[in-house]
Amino acid sequence: MSTVRTIRLRHRIFRKRSQSHPRQVPGYLTIPQIAASLRISPHWIYHRINTGQIAVTRDAETKLYLFPDAPDTLTQFQDLLSEKLEKLRF
């Protein structure tokens, strides 16, 4: 990430509307939504996707990682956080 972009985002100066308005997809949770619900960093989730601990594919249309909007989804993430589970598959 460039220095200018880092400073701009830190001061909440956005270039695109989507940067200030996270996308929402009916029936699904995005990584920022899950992270906010669990009070963790989105980077924690991205890291586990990159290492294969969370198996999920990007949605072809939105290009986002989407998870089912169900209570079980957050429960599974909580179990991964507390190390009750080693891997998640969506």
PDB file of N, CA and C in Angstrom:
ATOM      1  N   MET A   1       0.858  -1.171   0.000  1.00  0.00           N
ATOM      2  CA  MET A   1       0.000   0.000   0.000  1.00  0.00           C
ATOM      3  C   MET A   1       0.905   1.236   0.000  1.00  0.00           C
ATOM      4  N   SER A   2       0.542   2.213  -0.800  1.00  0.00           N
ATOM      5  CA  SER A   2       1.362   3.409  -0.888  1.00  0.00           C
ATOM      6  C   SER A   2       1.184   4.280   0.352  1.00  0.00           C
ATOM      7  N   THR A   3       2.170   5.093   0.614  1.00  0.00           N
ATOM      8  CA  THR A   3       2.134   5.980   1.771  1.00  0.00           C
ATOM      9  C   THR A   3       0.985   6.969   1.662  1.00  0.00           C
ATOM     10  N   VAL A   4       0.788   7.511   0.478  1.00  0.00           N
ATOM     11  CA  VAL A   4      -0.287   8.494   0.275  1.00  0.00           C
ATOM     12  C   VAL A   4      -1.644   7.843   0.546  1.00  0.00           C
ATOM     13  N   ARG A   5      -1.836   6.643   0.029  1.00  0.00           N
ATOM     14  CA  ARG A   5      -3.109   5.944   0.246  1.00  0.00           C
ATOM     15  C   ARG A   5      -3.326   5.648   1.729  1.00  0.00           C
ATOM     16  N   THR A   6      -2.288   5.229   2.422  1.00  0.00           N
ATOM     17  CA  THR A   6      -2.389   4.942   3.854  1.00  0.00           C
ATOM     18  C   THR A   6      -2.815   6.188   4.622  1.00  0.00           C
ATOM     19  N   ILE A   7      -2.186   7.303   4.343  1.00  0.00           N
ATOM     20  CA  ILE A   7      -2.521   8.556   5.032  1.00  0.00           C
ATOM     21  C   ILE A   7      -3.939   8.993   4.688  1.00  0.00           C
ATOM     22  N   ARG A   8      -4.299   8.893   3.399  1.00  0.00           N
ATOM     23  CA  ARG A   8      -5.636   9.284   2.966  1.00  0.00           C
ATOM     24  C   ARG A   8      -6.706   8.457   3.673  1.00  0.00           C
ATOM     25  N   LEU A   9      -6.516   7.161   3.748  1.00  0.00           N
ATOM     26  CA  LEU A   9      -7.503   6.300   4.400  1.00  0.00           C
ATOM     27  C   LEU A   9      -7.537   6.522   5.908  1.00  0.00           C
ATOM     28  N   ARG A  10      -6.388   6.756   6.504  1.00  0.00           N
ATOM     29  CA  ARG A  10      -6.340   7.015   7.941  1.00  0.00           C
ATOM     30  C   ARG A  10      -7.155   8.261   8.306  1.00  0.00           C
ATOM     31  N   HIS A  11      -7.157   9.237   7.410  1.00  0.00           N
ATOM     32  CA  HIS A  11      -7.903  10.472   7.643  1.00  0.00           C
ATOM     33  C   HIS A  11      -9.300  10.430   7.011  1.00  0.00           C
ATOM     34  N   ARG A  12      -9.695   9.215   6.583  1.00  0.00           N
ATOM     35  CA  ARG A  12     -11.016   8.964   6.030  1.00  0.00           C
ATOM     36  C   ARG A  12     -11.323   9.846   4.809  1.00  0.00           C
ATOM     37  N   ILE A  13     -10.331  10.018   3.953  1.00  0.00           N
ATOM     38  CA  ILE A  13     -10.503  10.719   2.688  1.00  0.00           C
ATOM     39  C   ILE A  13     -10.586   9.636   1.618  1.00  0.00           C
ATOM     40  N   PHE A  14     -11.800   9.375   1.138  1.00  0.00           N
ATOM     41  CA  PHE A  14     -12.039   8.271   0.226  1.00  0.00           C
ATOM     42  C   PHE A  14     -12.137   8.743  -1.209  1.00  0.00           C
ATOM     43  N   ARG A  15     -11.678   7.908  -2.115  1.00  0.00           N
ATOM     44  CA  ARG A  15     -11.764   8.224  -3.533  1.00  0.00           C
ATOM     45  C   ARG A  15     -13.004   7.619  -4.167  1.00  0.00           C
ATOM     46  N   LYS A  16     -13.447   6.481  -3.639  1.00  0.00           N
ATOM     47  CA  LYS A  16     -14.621   5.801  -4.177  1.00  0.00           C
ATOM     48  C   LYS A  16     -15.674   5.699  -3.093  1.00  0.00           C
ATOM     49  N   ARG A  17     -16.920   5.743  -3.482  1.00  0.00           N
ATOM     50  CA  ARG A  17     -18.014   5.622  -2.523  1.00  0.00           C
ATOM     51  C   ARG A  17     -17.960   4.286  -1.787  1.00  0.00           C
ATOM     52  N   SER A  18     -17.541   3.226  -2.470  1.00  0.00           N
ATOM     53  CA  SER A  18     -17.506   1.906  -1.844  1.00  0.00           C
ATOM     54  C   SER A  18     -16.508   1.839  -0.687  1.00  0.00           C
ATOM     55  N   GLN A  19     -15.529   2.735  -0.676  1.00  0.00           N
ATOM     56  CA  GLN A  19     -14.564   2.722   0.416  1.00  0.00           C
ATOM     57  C   GLN A  19     -15.202   3.183   1.725  1.00  0.00           C
ATOM     58  N   SER A  20     -16.211   4.004   1.648  1.00  0.00           N
ATOM     59  CA  SER A  20     -16.840   4.500   2.863  1.00  0.00           C
ATOM     60  C   SER A  20     -18.159   3.791   3.147  1.00  0.00           C
ATOM     61  N   HIS A  21     -18.649   3.026   2.192  1.00  0.00           N
ATOM     62  CA  HIS A  21     -19.913   2.302   2.348  1.00  0.00           C
ATOM     63  C   HIS A  21     -19.667   0.831   2.024  1.00  0.00           C
ATOM     64  N   PRO A  22     -19.354   0.046   3.036  1.00  0.00           N
ATOM     65  CA  PRO A  22     -19.074  -1.368   2.772  1.00  0.00           C
ATOM     66  C   PRO A  22     -20.244  -2.039   2.062  1.00  0.00           C
ATOM     67  N   ARG A  23     -19.914  -2.932   1.168  1.00  0.00           N
ATOM     68  CA  ARG A  23     -20.949  -3.623   0.405  1.00  0.00           C
ATOM     69  C   ARG A  23     -21.708  -4.615   1.279  1.00  0.00           C
ATOM     70  N   GLN A  24     -22.976  -4.751   0.981  1.00  0.00           N
ATOM     71  CA  GLN A  24     -23.819  -5.718   1.667  1.00  0.00           C
ATOM     72  C   GLN A  24     -24.512  -6.550   0.613  1.00  0.00           C
ATOM     73  N   VAL A  25     -24.524  -7.858   0.821  1.00  0.00           N
ATOM     74  CA  VAL A  25     -25.161  -8.781  -0.105  1.00  0.00           C
ATOM     75  C   VAL A  25     -26.243  -9.520   0.677  1.00  0.00           C
ATOM     76  N   PRO A  26     -27.507  -9.393   0.274  1.00  0.00           N
ATOM     77  CA  PRO A  26     -28.591 -10.057   1.012  1.00  0.00           C
ATOM     78  C   PRO A  26     -28.357 -11.561   1.149  1.00  0.00           C
ATOM     79  N   GLY A  27     -28.506 -12.062   2.377  1.00  0.00           N
ATOM     80  CA  GLY A  27     -28.348 -13.488   2.644  1.00  0.00           C
ATOM     81  C   GLY A  27     -26.918 -13.923   2.924  1.00  0.00           C
ATOM     82  N   TYR A  28     -25.982 -12.972   2.856  1.00  0.00           N
ATOM     83  CA  TYR A  28     -24.572 -13.305   3.060  1.00  0.00           C
ATOM     84  C   TYR A  28     -23.908 -12.294   3.986  1.00  0.00           C
ATOM     85  N   LEU A  29     -22.813 -12.732   4.588  1.00  0.00           N
ATOM     86  CA  LEU A  29     -21.974 -11.858   5.395  1.00  0.00           C
ATOM     87  C   LEU A  29     -20.642 -11.686   4.685  1.00  0.00           C
ATOM     88  N   THR A  30     -20.122 -10.467   4.703  1.00  0.00           N
ATOM     89  CA  THR A  30     -18.805 -10.205   4.136  1.00  0.00           C
ATOM     90  C   THR A  30     -17.773 -10.288   5.259  1.00  0.00           C
ATOM     91  N   ILE A  31     -16.520 -10.293   4.890  1.00  0.00           N
ATOM     92  CA  ILE A  31     -15.456 -10.358   5.901  1.00  0.00           C
ATOM     93  C   ILE A  31     -15.531  -9.183   6.870  1.00  0.00           C
ATOM     94  N   PRO A  32     -15.710  -7.936   6.414  1.00  0.00           N
ATOM     95  CA  PRO A  32     -15.817  -6.834   7.375  1.00  0.00           C
ATOM     96  C   PRO A  32     -17.003  -6.991   8.337  1.00  0.00           C
ATOM     97  N   GLN A  33     -18.112  -7.537   7.860  1.00  0.00           N
ATOM     98  CA  GLN A  33     -19.273  -7.733   8.727  1.00  0.00           C
ATOM     99  C   GLN A  33     -18.986  -8.790   9.796  1.00  0.00           C
ATOM    100  N   ILE A  34     -18.348  -9.881   9.410  1.00  0.00           N
ATOM    101  CA  ILE A  34     -17.999 -10.924  10.378  1.00  0.00           C
ATOM    102  C   ILE A  34     -16.999 -10.382  11.388  1.00  0.00           C
ATOM    103  N   ALA A  35     -15.992  -9.670  10.891  1.00  0.00           N
ATOM    104  CA  ALA A  35     -14.966  -9.115  11.775  1.00  0.00           C
ATOM    105  C   ALA A  35     -15.577  -8.148  12.790  1.00  0.00           C
ATOM    106  N   ALA A  36     -16.508  -7.317  12.344  1.00  0.00           N
ATOM    107  CA  ALA A  36     -17.155  -6.374  13.256  1.00  0.00           C
ATOM    108  C   ALA A  36     -17.987  -7.108  14.304  1.00  0.00           C
ATOM    109  N   SER A  37     -18.688  -8.159  13.903  1.00  0.00           N
ATOM    110  CA  SER A  37     -19.514  -8.928  14.835  1.00  0.00           C
ATOM    111  C   SER A  37     -18.674  -9.619  15.897  1.00  0.00           C
ATOM    112  N   LEU A  38     -17.490 -10.087  15.501  1.00  0.00           N
ATOM    113  CA  LEU A  38     -16.630 -10.818  16.432  1.00  0.00           C
ATOM    114  C   LEU A  38     -15.592  -9.924  17.102  1.00  0.00           C
ATOM    115  N   ARG A  39     -15.582  -8.650  16.703  1.00  0.00           N
ATOM    116  CA  ARG A  39     -14.617  -7.678  17.240  1.00  0.00           C
ATOM    117  C   ARG A  39     -13.173  -8.130  17.016  1.00  0.00           C
ATOM    118  N   ILE A  40     -12.917  -8.526  15.776  1.00  0.00           N
ATOM    119  CA  ILE A  40     -11.563  -8.907  15.373  1.00  0.00           C
ATOM    120  C   ILE A  40     -11.199  -8.123  14.116  1.00  0.00           C
ATOM    121  N   SER A  41      -9.952  -8.200  13.741  1.00  0.00           N
ATOM    122  CA  SER A  41      -9.495  -7.525  12.532  1.00  0.00           C
ATOM    123  C   SER A  41      -9.875  -8.336  11.299  1.00  0.00           C
ATOM    124  N   PRO A  42     -10.320  -7.681  10.240  1.00  0.00           N
ATOM    125  CA  PRO A  42     -10.573  -8.414   8.994  1.00  0.00           C
ATOM    126  C   PRO A  42      -9.321  -9.146   8.504  1.00  0.00           C
ATOM    127  N   HIS A  43      -8.160  -8.600   8.823  1.00  0.00           N
ATOM    128  CA  HIS A  43      -6.906  -9.219   8.395  1.00  0.00           C
ATOM    129  C   HIS A  43      -6.720 -10.601   9.016  1.00  0.00           C
ATOM    130  N   TRP A  44      -7.275 -10.818  10.216  1.00  0.00           N
ATOM    131  CA  TRP A  44      -7.213 -12.135  10.857  1.00  0.00           C
ATOM    132  C   TRP A  44      -7.914 -13.162   9.966  1.00  0.00           C
ATOM    133  N   ILE A  45      -9.056 -12.792   9.404  1.00  0.00           N
ATOM    134  CA  ILE A  45      -9.817 -13.697   8.534  1.00  0.00           C
ATOM    135  C   ILE A  45      -9.085 -13.887   7.204  1.00  0.00           C
ATOM    136  N   TYR A  46      -8.618 -12.791   6.594  1.00  0.00           N
ATOM    137  CA  TYR A  46      -7.901 -12.899   5.328  1.00  0.00           C
ATOM    138  C   TYR A  46      -6.668 -13.800   5.465  1.00  0.00           C
ATOM    139  N   HIS A  47      -5.952 -13.674   6.568  1.00  0.00           N
ATOM    140  CA  HIS A  47      -4.762 -14.498   6.791  1.00  0.00           C
ATOM    141  C   HIS A  47      -5.132 -15.981   6.810  1.00  0.00           C
ATOM    142  N   ARG A  48      -6.228 -16.328   7.488  1.00  0.00           N
ATOM    143  CA  ARG A  48      -6.647 -17.721   7.569  1.00  0.00           C
ATOM    144  C   ARG A  48      -7.166 -18.250   6.227  1.00  0.00           C
ATOM    145  N   ILE A  49      -7.722 -17.370   5.412  1.00  0.00           N
ATOM    146  CA  ILE A  49      -8.113 -17.782   4.055  1.00  0.00           C
ATOM    147  C   ILE A  49      -6.850 -18.076   3.240  1.00  0.00           C
ATOM    148  N   ASN A  50      -5.872 -17.187   3.330  1.00  0.00           N
ATOM    149  CA  ASN A  50      -4.632 -17.352   2.566  1.00  0.00           C
ATOM    150  C   ASN A  50      -3.833 -18.578   2.991  1.00  0.00           C
ATOM    151  N   THR A  51      -3.923 -18.970   4.261  1.00  0.00           N
ATOM    152  CA  THR A  51      -3.187 -20.146   4.734  1.00  0.00           C
ATOM    153  C   THR A  51      -3.994 -21.433   4.581  1.00  0.00           C
ATOM    154  N   GLY A  52      -5.244 -21.329   4.140  1.00  0.00           N
ATOM    155  CA  GLY A  52      -6.064 -22.513   3.928  1.00  0.00           C
ATOM    156  C   GLY A  52      -6.841 -22.965   5.151  1.00  0.00           C
ATOM    157  N   GLN A  53      -6.750 -22.224   6.233  1.00  0.00           N
ATOM    158  CA  GLN A  53      -7.485 -22.598   7.440  1.00  0.00           C
ATOM    159  C   GLN A  53      -8.987 -22.346   7.262  1.00  0.00           C
ATOM    160  N   ILE A  54      -9.333 -21.365   6.426  1.00  0.00           N
ATOM    161  CA  ILE A  54     -10.727 -21.109   6.060  1.00  0.00           C
ATOM    162  C   ILE A  54     -10.838 -21.340   4.558  1.00  0.00           C
ATOM    163  N   ALA A  55     -11.639 -22.324   4.178  1.00  0.00           N
ATOM    164  CA  ALA A  55     -11.818 -22.653   2.762  1.00  0.00           C
ATOM    165  C   ALA A  55     -13.081 -21.969   2.257  1.00  0.00           C
ATOM    166  N   VAL A  56     -12.886 -21.002   1.381  1.00  0.00           N
ATOM    167  CA  VAL A  56     -14.000 -20.260   0.797  1.00  0.00           C
ATOM    168  C   VAL A  56     -13.529 -19.718  -0.553  1.00  0.00           C
ATOM    169  N   THR A  57     -14.440 -19.611  -1.504  1.00  0.00           N
ATOM    170  CA  THR A  57     -14.084 -19.038  -2.802  1.00  0.00           C
ATOM    171  C   THR A  57     -14.784 -17.688  -2.952  1.00  0.00           C
ATOM    172  N   ARG A  58     -14.201 -16.863  -3.786  1.00  0.00           N
ATOM    173  CA  ARG A  58     -14.807 -15.553  -4.050  1.00  0.00           C
ATOM    174  C   ARG A  58     -16.065 -15.723  -4.895  1.00  0.00           C
ATOM    175  N   ASP A  59     -17.042 -14.881  -4.627  1.00  0.00           N
ATOM    176  CA  ASP A  59     -18.247 -14.853  -5.437  1.00  0.00           C
ATOM    177  C   ASP A  59     -17.881 -14.299  -6.813  1.00  0.00           C
ATOM    178  N   ALA A  60     -18.316 -14.974  -7.864  1.00  0.00           N
ATOM    179  CA  ALA A  60     -17.952 -14.576  -9.231  1.00  0.00           C
ATOM    180  C   ALA A  60     -18.479 -13.188  -9.589  1.00  0.00           C
ATOM    181  N   GLU A  61     -19.660 -12.849  -9.122  1.00  0.00           N
ATOM    182  CA  GLU A  61     -20.270 -11.569  -9.489  1.00  0.00           C
ATOM    183  C   GLU A  61     -19.694 -10.400  -8.697  1.00  0.00           C
ATOM    184  N   THR A  62     -19.618 -10.546  -7.370  1.00  0.00           N
ATOM    185  CA  THR A  62     -19.180  -9.426  -6.521  1.00  0.00           C
ATOM    186  C   THR A  62     -17.686  -9.415  -6.265  1.00  0.00           C
ATOM    187  N   LYS A  63     -17.023 -10.543  -6.522  1.00  0.00           N
ATOM    188  CA  LYS A  63     -15.586 -10.702  -6.258  1.00  0.00           C
ATOM    189  C   LYS A  63     -15.266 -10.620  -4.758  1.00  0.00           C
ATOM    190  N   LEU A  64     -16.267 -10.891  -3.914  1.00  0.00           N
ATOM    191  CA  LEU A  64     -16.085 -10.862  -2.462  1.00  0.00           C
ATOM    192  C   LEU A  64     -16.104 -12.277  -1.910  1.00  0.00           C
ATOM    193  N   TYR A  65     -15.463 -12.459  -0.760  1.00  0.00           N
ATOM    194  CA  TYR A  65     -15.640 -13.697  -0.023  1.00  0.00           C
ATOM    195  C   TYR A  65     -16.962 -13.556   0.719  1.00  0.00           C
ATOM    196  N   LEU A  66     -17.910 -14.458   0.433  1.00  0.00           N
ATOM    197  CA  LEU A  66     -19.229 -14.379   1.054  1.00  0.00           C
ATOM    198  C   LEU A  66     -19.481 -15.620   1.904  1.00  0.00           C
ATOM    199  N   PHE A  67     -20.063 -15.383   3.072  1.00  0.00           N
ATOM    200  CA  PHE A  67     -20.380 -16.453   4.009  1.00  0.00           C
ATOM    201  C   PHE A  67     -21.874 -16.421   4.274  1.00  0.00           C
ATOM    202  N   PRO A  68     -22.507 -17.578   4.502  1.00  0.00           N
ATOM    203  CA  PRO A  68     -23.951 -17.592   4.751  1.00  0.00           C
ATOM    204  C   PRO A  68     -24.314 -16.734   5.962  1.00  0.00           C
ATOM    205  N   ASP A  69     -25.370 -15.956   5.829  1.00  0.00           N
ATOM    206  CA  ASP A  69     -25.844 -15.128   6.940  1.00  0.00           C
ATOM    207  C   ASP A  69     -26.721 -16.001   7.840  1.00  0.00           C
ATOM    208  N   ALA A  70     -26.054 -16.813   8.649  1.00  0.00           N
ATOM    209  CA  ALA A  70     -26.737 -17.735   9.560  1.00  0.00           C
ATOM    210  C   ALA A  70     -26.011 -17.721  10.898  1.00  0.00           C
ATOM    211  N   PRO A  71     -26.743 -17.949  11.996  1.00  0.00           N
ATOM    212  CA  PRO A  71     -26.098 -17.956  13.316  1.00  0.00           C
ATOM    213  C   PRO A  71     -24.938 -18.953  13.399  1.00  0.00           C
ATOM    214  N   ASP A  72     -25.047 -20.062  12.671  1.00  0.00           N
ATOM    215  CA  ASP A  72     -24.003 -21.081  12.698  1.00  0.00           C
ATOM    216  C   ASP A  72     -22.681 -20.554  12.135  1.00  0.00           C
ATOM    217  N   THR A  73     -22.743 -19.631  11.214  1.00  0.00           N
ATOM    218  CA  THR A  73     -21.522 -19.077  10.622  1.00  0.00           C
ATOM    219  C   THR A  73     -20.682 -18.386  11.687  1.00  0.00           C
ATOM    220  N   LEU A  74     -21.294 -17.513  12.464  1.00  0.00           N
ATOM    221  CA  LEU A  74     -20.546 -16.812  13.513  1.00  0.00           C
ATOM    222  C   LEU A  74     -20.081 -17.779  14.597  1.00  0.00           C
ATOM    223  N   THR A  75     -20.890 -18.792  14.895  1.00  0.00           N
ATOM    224  CA  THR A  75     -20.501 -19.800  15.885  1.00  0.00           C
ATOM    225  C   THR A  75     -19.249 -20.536  15.417  1.00  0.00           C
ATOM    226  N   GLN A  76     -19.213 -20.885  14.138  1.00  0.00           N
ATOM    227  CA  GLN A  76     -18.034 -21.567  13.604  1.00  0.00           C
ATOM    228  C   GLN A  76     -16.792 -20.682  13.691  1.00  0.00           C
ATOM    229  N   PHE A  77     -16.948 -19.398  13.384  1.00  0.00           N
ATOM    230  CA  PHE A  77     -15.812 -18.482  13.497  1.00  0.00           C
ATOM    231  C   PHE A  77     -15.360 -18.347  14.950  1.00  0.00           C
ATOM    232  N   GLN A  78     -16.301 -18.301  15.881  1.00  0.00           N
ATOM    233  CA  GLN A  78     -15.943 -18.233  17.295  1.00  0.00           C
ATOM    234  C   GLN A  78     -15.191 -19.493  17.721  1.00  0.00           C
ATOM    235  N   ASP A  79     -15.622 -20.653  17.223  1.00  0.00           N
ATOM    236  CA  ASP A  79     -14.924 -21.897  17.534  1.00  0.00           C
ATOM    237  C   ASP A  79     -13.514 -21.908  16.949  1.00  0.00           C
ATOM    238  N   LEU A  80     -13.338 -21.322  15.780  1.00  0.00           N
ATOM    239  CA  LEU A  80     -12.005 -21.215  15.191  1.00  0.00           C
ATOM    240  C   LEU A  80     -11.135 -20.276  16.025  1.00  0.00           C
ATOM    241  N   LEU A  81     -11.732 -19.182  16.466  1.00  0.00           N
ATOM    242  CA  LEU A  81     -11.003 -18.234  17.316  1.00  0.00           C
ATOM    243  C   LEU A  81     -10.538 -18.888  18.613  1.00  0.00           C
ATOM    244  N   SER A  82     -11.399 -19.681  19.215  1.00  0.00           N
ATOM    245  CA  SER A  82     -11.068 -20.308  20.503  1.00  0.00           C
ATOM    246  C   SER A  82     -10.328 -21.636  20.318  1.00  0.00           C
ATOM    247  N   GLU A  83      -9.970 -21.937  19.062  1.00  0.00           N
ATOM    248  CA  GLU A  83      -9.206 -23.127  18.700  1.00  0.00           C
ATOM    249  C   GLU A  83      -9.945 -24.439  18.972  1.00  0.00           C
ATOM    250  N   LYS A  84     -11.285 -24.381  19.008  1.00  0.00           N
ATOM    251  CA  LYS A  84     -12.084 -25.606  19.093  1.00  0.00           C
ATOM    252  C   LYS A  84     -12.135 -26.292  17.729  1.00  0.00           C
ATOM    253  N   LEU A  85     -11.981 -25.500  16.685  1.00  0.00           N
ATOM    254  CA  LEU A  85     -11.925 -26.009  15.312  1.00  0.00           C
ATOM    255  C   LEU A  85     -10.570 -25.640  14.715  1.00  0.00           C
ATOM    256  N   GLU A  86     -10.099 -26.494  13.811  1.00  0.00           N
ATOM    257  CA  GLU A  86      -8.840 -26.207  13.138  1.00  0.00           C
ATOM    258  C   GLU A  86      -9.055 -25.579  11.768  1.00  0.00           C
ATOM    259  N   LYS A  87     -10.184 -25.946  11.119  1.00  0.00           N
ATOM    260  CA  LYS A  87     -10.457 -25.448   9.768  1.00  0.00           C
ATOM    261  C   LYS A  87     -11.951 -25.182   9.603  1.00  0.00           C
ATOM    262  N   LEU A  88     -12.247 -24.261   8.694  1.00  0.00           N
ATOM    263  CA  LEU A  88     -13.635 -23.983   8.312  1.00  0.00           C
ATOM    264  C   LEU A  88     -13.760 -24.187   6.812  1.00  0.00           C
ATOM    265  N   ARG A  89     -14.925 -24.664   6.390  1.00  0.00           N
ATOM    266  CA  ARG A  89     -15.182 -24.839   4.965  1.00  0.00           C
ATOM    267  C   ARG A  89     -16.564 -24.254   4.636  1.00  0.00           C
ATOM    268  N   PHE A  90     -16.596 -23.364   3.645  1.00  0.00           N
ATOM    269  CA  PHE A  90     -17.851 -22.745   3.222  1.00  0.00           C
ATOM    270  C   PHE A  90     -18.032 -22.942   1.742  1.00  0.00           C
TER     271      PHE A  90
END
